[in-house]
Protein backbone atom coordinates (compact mmCIF):
# COMPACT_ATOMS: atom_id res chain seq x y z
CA MET A 1 -0.03 0.10 -0.02
CA LYS A 2 1.11 3.59 -0.69
CA TYR A 3 0.11 6.40 1.48
CA ALA A 4 0.40 10.28 1.15
CA ILE A 5 -0.33 13.11 3.12
CA VAL A 6 -1.21 16.45 1.13
CA THR A 7 -1.32 19.85 3.10
CA GLY A 8 -3.84 22.13 1.20
CA GLY A 9 -5.31 19.22 -0.64
CA THR A 10 -8.73 20.83 -1.01
CA LYS A 11 -7.93 23.73 -3.46
CA GLY A 12 -5.49 24.48 -6.29
CA ILE A 13 -2.27 22.82 -6.67
CA GLY A 14 -2.85 20.44 -3.30
CA LYS A 15 -6.32 19.31 -5.02
CA ALA A 16 -4.65 18.37 -8.22
CA THR A 17 -2.03 16.26 -6.45
CA VAL A 18 -4.56 14.64 -4.37
CA ILE A 19 -6.43 13.71 -7.69
CA GLU A 20 -3.31 12.55 -9.41
CA LEU A 21 -2.39 10.57 -6.43
CA LEU A 22 -5.67 8.83 -6.20
CA LYS A 23 -5.17 7.77 -9.78
CA ARG A 24 -1.90 6.13 -8.99
CA ASP A 25 -3.77 3.95 -6.28
CA TYR A 26 -2.32 6.09 -3.34
CA PHE A 27 -4.36 6.28 0.14
CA VAL A 28 -4.50 10.07 0.51
CA THR A 29 -5.04 12.12 3.91
CA THR A 30 -5.45 15.79 3.37
CA ASN A 31 -5.64 18.96 5.46
CA TYR A 32 -6.06 22.69 4.66
CA ALA A 33 -4.45 25.50 6.78
CA SER A 34 -6.25 28.32 5.31
CA ASP A 35 -2.98 29.73 3.54
CA THR A 36 -5.06 31.21 0.63
CA GLN A 37 -2.13 32.71 -1.52
CA THR A 38 -0.51 29.15 -1.50
CA ALA A 39 -3.34 27.04 -1.99
CA ASN A 40 -4.80 29.22 -4.60
CA GLU A 41 -1.85 30.10 -6.53
CA THR A 42 -3.90 30.12 -9.72
CA GLU A 43 -6.10 32.74 -8.25
CA TRP A 44 -3.08 34.88 -7.23
CA GLN A 45 -1.72 34.83 -10.61
CA LYS A 46 -5.33 35.94 -12.05
CA THR A 47 -5.04 39.04 -9.67
CA LYS A 48 -2.02 40.26 -11.37
CA THR A 49 -2.16 43.04 -14.05
CA GLU A 50 -1.46 42.02 -17.53
CA GLU A 51 1.95 44.14 -17.22
CA ILE A 52 3.07 42.14 -14.06
CA ARG A 53 2.11 38.95 -15.85
CA GLN A 54 3.95 39.57 -19.11
CA ASN A 55 7.02 40.60 -16.86
CA ILE A 56 6.91 37.26 -15.05
CA TYR A 57 6.47 35.34 -18.27
CA ARG A 58 9.38 37.10 -19.81
CA LYS A 59 11.54 35.87 -17.14
CA THR A 60 10.54 31.97 -17.75
CA ALA A 61 11.69 29.73 -20.46
CA ILE A 62 8.29 28.65 -21.33
CA LYS A 63 6.81 32.12 -21.27
CA ARG A 64 3.72 31.35 -18.92
CA PHE A 65 2.74 30.23 -15.25
CA ALA A 66 2.79 26.56 -14.55
CA GLU A 67 -0.55 24.50 -14.92
CA VAL A 68 -1.61 22.96 -11.60
CA SER A 69 -1.46 19.67 -13.34
CA GLU A 70 2.19 20.11 -14.11
CA VAL A 71 3.18 20.83 -10.24
CA ALA A 72 1.01 17.82 -9.15
CA SER A 73 2.91 15.66 -11.80
CA ALA A 74 6.28 16.69 -10.41
CA ILE A 75 5.27 15.99 -6.86
CA CYS A 76 3.66 12.56 -7.63
CA PHE A 77 7.30 11.73 -9.78
CA CYS A 78 8.84 12.36 -6.54
CA LEU A 79 6.52 10.07 -4.53
CA ASP A 80 6.75 7.39 -7.11
CA ASN A 81 10.58 7.09 -7.28
CA GLY A 82 11.75 5.51 -4.16
CA PHE A 83 15.50 6.68 -4.87
CA ILE A 84 14.61 10.26 -4.65
CA ASN A 85 15.33 11.43 -1.04
CA GLY A 86 16.32 15.05 0.27
CA SER A 87 16.27 16.36 -3.10
CA VAL A 88 15.02 19.80 -4.29
CA ILE A 89 12.99 19.79 -7.65
CA GLU A 90 12.84 23.31 -8.98
CA ILE A 91 9.25 23.48 -10.74
CA ASN A 92 9.72 27.13 -12.16
CA GLY A 93 9.59 26.91 -15.92
CA GLY A 94 13.17 28.18 -16.27
CA TYR A 95 12.60 31.26 -14.31
CA ASN A 96 15.33 33.48 -14.20
CA PHE A 97 15.34 36.35 -11.34
CA LYS A 98 17.14 39.02 -13.39
């Protein structure tokens, strides 16, 4: 049996991660700590002006924000691979802070 705990699993990226884990036969426990900006990152993105969004897009290799499913997929990759341990996987679309 495979188990996973997902914080913020009721909205946004957390919810997409839960759905993906369930498809992969995980038993999932969730909680939500009312961190609206993190849990609803896509909602946060929508509140930005077009000028701010374009400035962020220009700083990424793929010229857009991540899709929730892309972040969830990366998290599931780490969970599915038993050899990944103590690693930092950057899910940033090639973001350059310059």
